[in-house]
Structures are given as C-alpha cells and as structure tokens.
Amino acid sequence: MSAPFTAQDALVAAMVVTAAADTNMTDAERDTVAGIVALLPVFRGFPEGRFGQISDVVVEMLAEEDGIEQLMTLLDDVLPERLRATAYALACDVAASDGAAAIEELRLLEIMRHRLGVGRLTAAAIERGARARYTRL
C-alpha cells in the first residue's frame, strides 16, 4: 500500500473483511460497500482507486495464520473512538445486505465488537437497525 491506513481506509477494511469472512463476497455485499462509500459523509474525499488497494491488503492479511487478529489490531490502532461504532455499524450493514449472515460473519462481528469496545446495548441497537434496513419483502 502506498500510504498508511487512514480512518476511512479502516472503515472500508471493516466492511471488506466482513464480506470476505465466509469466503464468498456476494454481489449484494459488494454493492452495499460501494453504495456506502459513495453516499456517507465520512467517505467524502475518499480516493476511488484506494478501494482495490485496501481490499488487497485485507485479503493478504486474511491469508496469514493470525490475519483476523492483525486486521483487528490495525482497526484498533487507526480508528478514533468516535468512529468505532461507525465501523461496527458498517460491518453489520454488509453482513445483513445479502439477507443472511453466515456464522463466520457473526463470529467476526463479535470479535470486532469486542476489539473496538462497542458496548452490548450499542451493538444490539446497531444490529437491529441493520436487520431493519435490509429486510426483504
């Protein structure tokens, strides 16, 4: 990667690792990540080509034996306190976007919640909001 990870990069990485947790990034998950990056104010000024670089870093990290731990440490180091619940919320949106969260995604969300210090009540509200937003008819 050409530059150090920024908070925006870390937010994207949280979404990518969630989508990749079950080894199958669906079109719905990919579209969700792209839509979030395109619409949310926290991503204003985010370089378009940076997404591929971050995805590559996440995939490389996941190939390592302790890749999840490395990635969670990176998120923990880079994300300011005020963006930790945001990272968790974005990851929950990605997990919910294809209509079914795999057990691997749920486990990853649990690890992320603990590592980022997102409280139980906050996490429950975020999770319920994600389910509500991605409910299908």
C-alpha atoms as a PDB file:
ATOM      1  CA  MET A   1       0.000   0.000   0.000  1.00  0.00           C
ATOM      2  CA  SER A   2       1.345   3.378  -0.969  1.00  0.00           C
ATOM      3  CA  ALA A   3       0.244   5.352   2.107  1.00  0.00           C
ATOM      4  CA  PRO A   4      -0.501   4.493   5.723  1.00  0.00           C
ATOM      5  CA  PHE A   5      -4.016   3.396   6.603  1.00  0.00           C
ATOM      6  CA  THR A   6      -6.381   6.262   7.313  1.00  0.00           C
ATOM      7  CA  ALA A   7      -9.604   6.124   9.309  1.00  0.00           C
ATOM      8  CA  GLN A   8     -11.507   5.946   6.000  1.00  0.00           C
ATOM      9  CA  ASP A   9      -9.322   3.013   4.936  1.00  0.00           C
ATOM     10  CA  ALA A  10     -10.037   1.263   8.227  1.00  0.00           C
ATOM     11  CA  LEU A  11     -13.793   1.707   7.753  1.00  0.00           C
ATOM     12  CA  VAL A  12     -13.541   0.187   4.274  1.00  0.00           C
ATOM     13  CA  ALA A  13     -11.382  -2.639   5.638  1.00  0.00           C
ATOM     14  CA  ALA A  14     -14.027  -3.399   8.285  1.00  0.00           C
ATOM     15  CA  MET A  15     -16.632  -3.782   5.538  1.00  0.00           C
ATOM     16  CA  VAL A  16     -14.381  -5.832   3.253  1.00  0.00           C
ATOM     17  CA  VAL A  17     -13.330  -8.261   5.977  1.00  0.00           C
ATOM     18  CA  THR A  18     -16.968  -8.781   6.917  1.00  0.00           C
ATOM     19  CA  ALA A  19     -17.905  -9.524   3.321  1.00  0.00           C
ATOM     20  CA  ALA A  20     -14.932 -11.878   2.983  1.00  0.00           C
ATOM     21  CA  ALA A  21     -15.487 -13.655   6.307  1.00  0.00           C
ATOM     22  CA  ASP A  22     -17.431 -16.514   4.765  1.00  0.00           C
ATOM     23  CA  THR A  23     -15.038 -16.638   1.753  1.00  0.00           C
ATOM     24  CA  ASN A  24     -17.845 -15.588  -0.580  1.00  0.00           C
ATOM     25  CA  MET A  25     -18.327 -11.877  -1.233  1.00  0.00           C
ATOM     26  CA  THR A  26     -21.789 -11.654  -2.771  1.00  0.00           C
ATOM     27  CA  ASP A  27     -22.914  -9.050  -5.284  1.00  0.00           C
ATOM     28  CA  ALA A  28     -25.214  -7.625  -2.602  1.00  0.00           C
ATOM     29  CA  GLU A  29     -22.279  -7.200  -0.226  1.00  0.00           C
ATOM     30  CA  ARG A  30     -20.113  -5.631  -2.932  1.00  0.00           C
ATOM     31  CA  ASP A  31     -22.922  -3.270  -3.931  1.00  0.00           C
ATOM     32  CA  THR A  32     -23.531  -2.348  -0.302  1.00  0.00           C
ATOM     33  CA  VAL A  33     -19.890  -1.455   0.281  1.00  0.00           C
ATOM     34  CA  ALA A  34     -19.787   0.611  -2.924  1.00  0.00           C
ATOM     35  CA  GLY A  35     -23.041   2.378  -2.036  1.00  0.00           C
ATOM     36  CA  ILE A  36     -21.906   3.183   1.485  1.00  0.00           C
ATOM     37  CA  VAL A  37     -18.602   4.621   0.256  1.00  0.00           C
ATOM     38  CA  ALA A  38     -20.419   6.669  -2.375  1.00  0.00           C
ATOM     39  CA  LEU A  39     -23.078   8.107  -0.049  1.00  0.00           C
ATOM     40  CA  LEU A  40     -21.880   8.547   3.523  1.00  0.00           C
ATOM     41  CA  PRO A  41     -20.284  11.847   4.550  1.00  0.00           C
ATOM     42  CA  VAL A  42     -17.459  10.035   6.376  1.00  0.00           C
ATOM     43  CA  PHE A  43     -16.155   8.954   2.952  1.00  0.00           C
ATOM     44  CA  ARG A  44     -16.058  12.407   1.341  1.00  0.00           C
ATOM     45  CA  GLY A  45     -12.759  12.786  -0.461  1.00  0.00           C
ATOM     46  CA  PHE A  46     -12.044   9.058  -0.387  1.00  0.00           C
ATOM     47  CA  PRO A  47      -9.871   8.250  -3.425  1.00  0.00           C
ATOM     48  CA  GLU A  48     -11.729   5.975  -5.843  1.00  0.00           C
ATOM     49  CA  GLY A  49      -8.754   3.739  -6.613  1.00  0.00           C
ATOM     50  CA  ARG A  50      -7.991   3.200  -2.944  1.00  0.00           C
ATOM     51  CA  PHE A  51     -10.737   0.591  -2.515  1.00  0.00           C
ATOM     52  CA  GLY A  52      -8.839  -2.023  -4.528  1.00  0.00           C
ATOM     53  CA  GLN A  53      -5.659  -1.380  -2.546  1.00  0.00           C
ATOM     54  CA  ILE A  54      -7.470  -1.820   0.753  1.00  0.00           C
ATOM     55  CA  SER A  55      -9.179  -4.980  -0.467  1.00  0.00           C
ATOM     56  CA  ASP A  56      -5.795  -6.401  -1.462  1.00  0.00           C
ATOM     57  CA  VAL A  57      -4.351  -5.626   1.974  1.00  0.00           C
ATOM     58  CA  VAL A  58      -7.322  -7.275   3.691  1.00  0.00           C
ATOM     59  CA  VAL A  59      -7.024 -10.406   1.526  1.00  0.00           C
ATOM     60  CA  GLU A  60      -3.272 -10.585   2.200  1.00  0.00           C
ATOM     61  CA  MET A  61      -3.845 -10.240   5.934  1.00  0.00           C
ATOM     62  CA  LEU A  62      -6.550 -12.900   5.937  1.00  0.00           C
ATOM     63  CA  ALA A  63      -4.144 -15.315   4.241  1.00  0.00           C
ATOM     64  CA  GLU A  64      -1.902 -15.117   7.317  1.00  0.00           C
ATOM     65  CA  GLU A  65      -2.415 -17.506  10.223  1.00  0.00           C
ATOM     66  CA  ASP A  66      -3.309 -14.652  12.577  1.00  0.00           C
ATOM     67  CA  GLY A  67      -4.811 -12.433   9.885  1.00  0.00           C
ATOM     68  CA  ILE A  68      -8.018 -11.578  11.730  1.00  0.00           C
ATOM     69  CA  GLU A  69      -6.002 -10.582  14.786  1.00  0.00           C
ATOM     70  CA  GLN A  70      -3.692  -8.430  12.646  1.00  0.00           C
ATOM     71  CA  LEU A  71      -6.645  -6.730  10.996  1.00  0.00           C
ATOM     72  CA  MET A  72      -8.417  -6.084  14.302  1.00  0.00           C
ATOM     73  CA  THR A  73      -5.187  -4.607  15.679  1.00  0.00           C
ATOM     74  CA  LEU A  74      -4.969  -2.349  12.630  1.00  0.00           C
ATOM     75  CA  LEU A  75      -8.567  -1.186  13.105  1.00  0.00           C
ATOM     76  CA  ASP A  76      -7.936  -0.656  16.809  1.00  0.00           C
ATOM     77  CA  ASP A  77      -4.799   1.387  16.104  1.00  0.00           C
ATOM     78  CA  VAL A  78      -6.250   3.537  13.311  1.00  0.00           C
ATOM     79  CA  LEU A  79      -9.856   4.225  14.282  1.00  0.00           C
ATOM     80  CA  PRO A  80     -10.516   7.097  16.665  1.00  0.00           C
ATOM     81  CA  GLU A  81     -13.008   6.393  19.433  1.00  0.00           C
ATOM     82  CA  ARG A  82     -15.763   8.341  17.681  1.00  0.00           C
ATOM     83  CA  LEU A  83     -15.620   6.053  14.594  1.00  0.00           C
ATOM     84  CA  ARG A  84     -15.549   2.662  16.305  1.00  0.00           C
ATOM     85  CA  ALA A  85     -19.326   2.235  16.463  1.00  0.00           C
ATOM     86  CA  THR A  86     -19.444   3.518  12.870  1.00  0.00           C
ATOM     87  CA  ALA A  87     -17.071   0.748  11.779  1.00  0.00           C
ATOM     88  CA  TYR A  88     -19.207  -1.823  13.569  1.00  0.00           C
ATOM     89  CA  ALA A  89     -22.404  -0.424  12.028  1.00  0.00           C
ATOM     90  CA  LEU A  90     -20.943  -0.522   8.519  1.00  0.00           C
ATOM     91  CA  ALA A  91     -19.780  -4.103   9.047  1.00  0.00           C
ATOM     92  CA  CYS A  92     -23.279  -5.053  10.266  1.00  0.00           C
ATOM     93  CA  ASP A  93     -24.816  -3.468   7.170  1.00  0.00           C
ATOM     94  CA  VAL A  94     -22.561  -5.562   4.940  1.00  0.00           C
ATOM     95  CA  ALA A  95     -23.375  -8.744   6.873  1.00  0.00           C
ATOM     96  CA  ALA A  96     -27.120  -8.071   6.597  1.00  0.00           C
ATOM     97  CA  SER A  97     -27.086  -6.921   2.973  1.00  0.00           C
ATOM     98  CA  ASP A  98     -27.402 -10.325   1.327  1.00  0.00           C
ATOM     99  CA  GLY A  99     -30.280 -11.416   3.546  1.00  0.00           C
ATOM    100  CA  ALA A 100     -28.415 -13.963   5.659  1.00  0.00           C
ATOM    101  CA  ALA A 101     -25.393 -13.557   7.899  1.00  0.00           C
ATOM    102  CA  ALA A 102     -23.158 -16.629   7.830  1.00  0.00           C
ATOM    103  CA  ILE A 103     -21.798 -17.971  11.112  1.00  0.00           C
ATOM    104  CA  GLU A 104     -18.327 -16.750  10.087  1.00  0.00           C
ATOM    105  CA  GLU A 105     -19.652 -13.227   9.648  1.00  0.00           C
ATOM    106  CA  LEU A 106     -21.394 -13.329  13.018  1.00  0.00           C
ATOM    107  CA  ARG A 107     -18.226 -14.546  14.724  1.00  0.00           C
ATOM    108  CA  LEU A 108     -16.194 -11.810  13.030  1.00  0.00           C
ATOM    109  CA  LEU A 109     -18.715  -9.178  14.157  1.00  0.00           C
ATOM    110  CA  GLU A 110     -18.405 -10.464  17.714  1.00  0.00           C
ATOM    111  CA  ILE A 111     -14.614 -10.203  17.562  1.00  0.00           C
ATOM    112  CA  MET A 112     -14.847  -6.723  16.040  1.00  0.00           C
ATOM    113  CA  ARG A 113     -17.322  -5.540  18.656  1.00  0.00           C
ATOM    114  CA  HIS A 114     -15.045  -6.625  21.466  1.00  0.00           C
ATOM    115  CA  ARG A 115     -11.842  -5.292  19.919  1.00  0.00           C
ATOM    116  CA  LEU A 116     -13.367  -1.915  19.125  1.00  0.00           C
ATOM    117  CA  GLY A 117     -15.051  -1.622  22.512  1.00  0.00           C
ATOM    118  CA  VAL A 118     -18.598  -1.315  21.204  1.00  0.00           C
ATOM    119  CA  GLY A 119     -20.911  -1.898  24.168  1.00  0.00           C
ATOM    120  CA  ARG A 120     -23.631  -4.544  24.171  1.00  0.00           C
ATOM    121  CA  LEU A 121     -26.550  -2.134  24.111  1.00  0.00           C
ATOM    122  CA  THR A 122     -24.995  -0.056  21.344  1.00  0.00           C
ATOM    123  CA  ALA A 123     -24.220  -3.208  19.359  1.00  0.00           C
ATOM    124  CA  ALA A 124     -27.759  -4.540  19.808  1.00  0.00           C
ATOM    125  CA  ALA A 125     -29.212  -1.267  18.517  1.00  0.00           C
ATOM    126  CA  ILE A 126     -26.828  -1.252  15.548  1.00  0.00           C
ATOM    127  CA  GLU A 127     -27.620  -4.880  14.717  1.00  0.00           C
ATOM    128  CA  ARG A 128     -31.366  -4.287  14.935  1.00  0.00           C
ATOM    129  CA  GLY A 129     -31.051  -1.251  12.694  1.00  0.00           C
ATOM    130  CA  ALA A 130     -29.120  -3.258  10.092  1.00  0.00           C
ATOM    131  CA  ARG A 131     -31.768  -6.001  10.124  1.00  0.00           C
ATOM    132  CA  ALA A 132     -34.499  -3.389   9.686  1.00  0.00           C
ATOM    133  CA  ARG A 133     -32.697  -1.677   6.789  1.00  0.00           C
ATOM    134  CA  TYR A 134     -32.024  -4.905   4.909  1.00  0.00           C
ATOM    135  CA  THR A 135     -35.334  -6.720   5.481  1.00  0.00           C
ATOM    136  CA  ARG A 136     -36.788  -8.055   2.275  1.00  0.00           C
ATOM    137  CA  LEU A 137     -40.417  -8.370   1.250  1.00  0.00           C
END
